[in-house]
Amino acid sequence: GHVLNRAAAALAVPESTLRRKVLRIREIYGDDAPVRPADWHAATPLLEVLCQIAEAQQTPLLDMVAQHLLTELERRPISRKAAATLLGVSVPTYRRLST
């Protein structure tokens, strides 16, 4: 309900899309909390700042982060295949995104 609505707004995705993704994740992983490293709590302030920046720029958070990751990958001396894998896309999709 309300939490999903707020999360969808923060991510700038439709609530129905987020709901489907959450259901798919639950189908795959169940309702158990994900196993995270002991120092995961240190990432929380960074995530909050990223949300604030995306909101201030009126840019969907995931689009902003993906663009920054793409820019960083293009700076690195790695293969397109490795970059595509890190971005979570196929090599043809990576080529399309990086042009």
Protein backbone atom coordinates (compact mmCIF):
# COMPACT_ATOMS: atom_id res chain seq x y z
CA GLY A 1 0.00 0.00 0.00
CA HIS A 2 1.50 3.22 1.25
CA VAL A 3 5.12 2.04 1.41
CA LEU A 4 4.95 0.68 -2.13
CA ASN A 5 3.44 3.95 -3.32
CA ARG A 6 6.24 5.96 -1.68
CA ALA A 7 8.89 3.62 -3.08
CA ALA A 8 7.43 3.91 -6.58
CA ALA A 9 7.41 7.70 -6.29
CA ALA A 10 11.01 7.76 -5.04
CA LEU A 11 12.12 5.52 -7.91
CA ALA A 12 9.94 7.39 -10.42
CA VAL A 13 8.34 4.19 -11.67
CA PRO A 14 4.64 3.36 -11.89
CA GLU A 15 3.33 1.66 -8.77
CA SER A 16 1.95 -1.22 -10.84
CA THR A 17 5.39 -1.84 -12.35
CA LEU A 18 7.03 -1.86 -8.93
CA ARG A 19 4.31 -4.14 -7.57
CA ARG A 20 4.99 -6.68 -10.38
CA LYS A 21 8.74 -6.51 -9.73
CA VAL A 22 8.22 -7.04 -6.00
CA LEU A 23 5.99 -10.03 -6.69
CA ARG A 24 8.59 -11.51 -9.04
CA ILE A 25 11.34 -11.02 -6.45
CA ARG A 26 9.17 -12.71 -3.82
CA GLU A 27 8.53 -15.62 -6.18
CA ILE A 28 12.26 -16.09 -6.65
CA TYR A 29 13.58 -15.31 -3.16
CA GLY A 30 10.57 -15.66 -0.87
CA ASP A 31 9.72 -13.24 1.92
CA ASP A 32 12.98 -13.64 3.82
CA ALA A 33 15.10 -10.54 4.22
CA PRO A 34 18.07 -10.61 1.85
CA VAL A 35 21.44 -11.56 3.25
CA ARG A 36 23.56 -8.42 3.32
CA PRO A 37 27.10 -7.72 4.43
CA ALA A 38 27.55 -6.63 8.04
CA ASP A 39 28.44 -3.08 6.95
CA TRP A 40 25.39 -2.69 4.69
CA HIS A 41 23.95 -0.04 7.03
CA ALA A 42 26.73 2.29 5.84
CA ALA A 43 25.06 2.43 2.40
CA THR A 44 21.80 3.86 3.75
CA PRO A 45 22.95 7.52 3.92
CA LEU A 46 24.34 7.26 0.38
CA LEU A 47 21.05 5.86 -0.92
CA GLU A 48 19.14 8.68 0.79
CA VAL A 49 21.42 11.29 -0.84
CA LEU A 50 21.00 9.67 -4.25
CA CYS A 51 17.22 9.81 -3.83
CA GLN A 52 17.41 13.50 -2.91
CA ILE A 53 19.63 14.32 -5.90
CA ALA A 54 17.35 12.47 -8.30
CA GLU A 55 14.32 14.24 -6.88
CA ALA A 56 16.00 17.65 -7.13
CA GLN A 57 16.98 16.94 -10.75
CA GLN A 58 13.51 15.53 -11.45
CA THR A 59 15.20 12.44 -12.85
CA PRO A 60 14.16 8.86 -12.12
CA LEU A 61 16.65 7.50 -9.59
CA LEU A 62 17.37 4.30 -11.50
CA ASP A 63 17.95 6.23 -14.74
CA MET A 64 20.36 8.58 -12.97
CA VAL A 65 22.33 5.75 -11.37
CA ALA A 66 22.41 3.73 -14.61
CA GLN A 67 23.74 6.75 -16.52
CA HIS A 68 26.48 7.36 -13.96
CA LEU A 69 27.42 3.69 -14.02
CA LEU A 70 27.53 3.72 -17.83
CA THR A 71 29.77 6.80 -17.79
CA GLU A 72 32.10 5.17 -15.27
CA LEU A 73 32.25 1.93 -17.26
CA GLU A 74 33.16 3.84 -20.41
CA ARG A 75 36.14 5.39 -18.58
CA ARG A 76 37.51 1.99 -17.57
CA PRO A 77 39.81 -0.17 -19.71
CA ILE A 78 37.44 -3.16 -19.72
CA SER A 79 35.81 -5.10 -22.50
CA ARG A 80 32.32 -4.31 -23.71
CA LYS A 81 31.26 -7.76 -22.57
CA ALA A 82 32.48 -7.10 -19.01
CA ALA A 83 30.89 -3.64 -19.01
CA ALA A 84 27.59 -5.06 -20.27
CA THR A 85 27.66 -7.72 -17.57
CA LEU A 86 28.27 -5.11 -14.85
CA LEU A 87 25.41 -3.01 -16.21
CA GLY A 88 23.16 -6.07 -16.41
CA VAL A 89 22.46 -5.85 -20.14
CA SER A 90 23.47 -7.68 -23.31
CA VAL A 91 26.46 -6.49 -25.35
CA PRO A 92 24.20 -5.13 -28.16
CA THR A 93 22.15 -3.22 -25.57
CA TYR A 94 25.34 -1.87 -23.99
CA ARG A 95 26.54 -0.69 -27.40
CA ARG A 96 23.22 1.06 -27.99
CA LEU A 97 23.31 2.71 -24.56
CA SER A 98 26.90 3.86 -24.90
CA THR A 99 26.45 5.68 -28.21
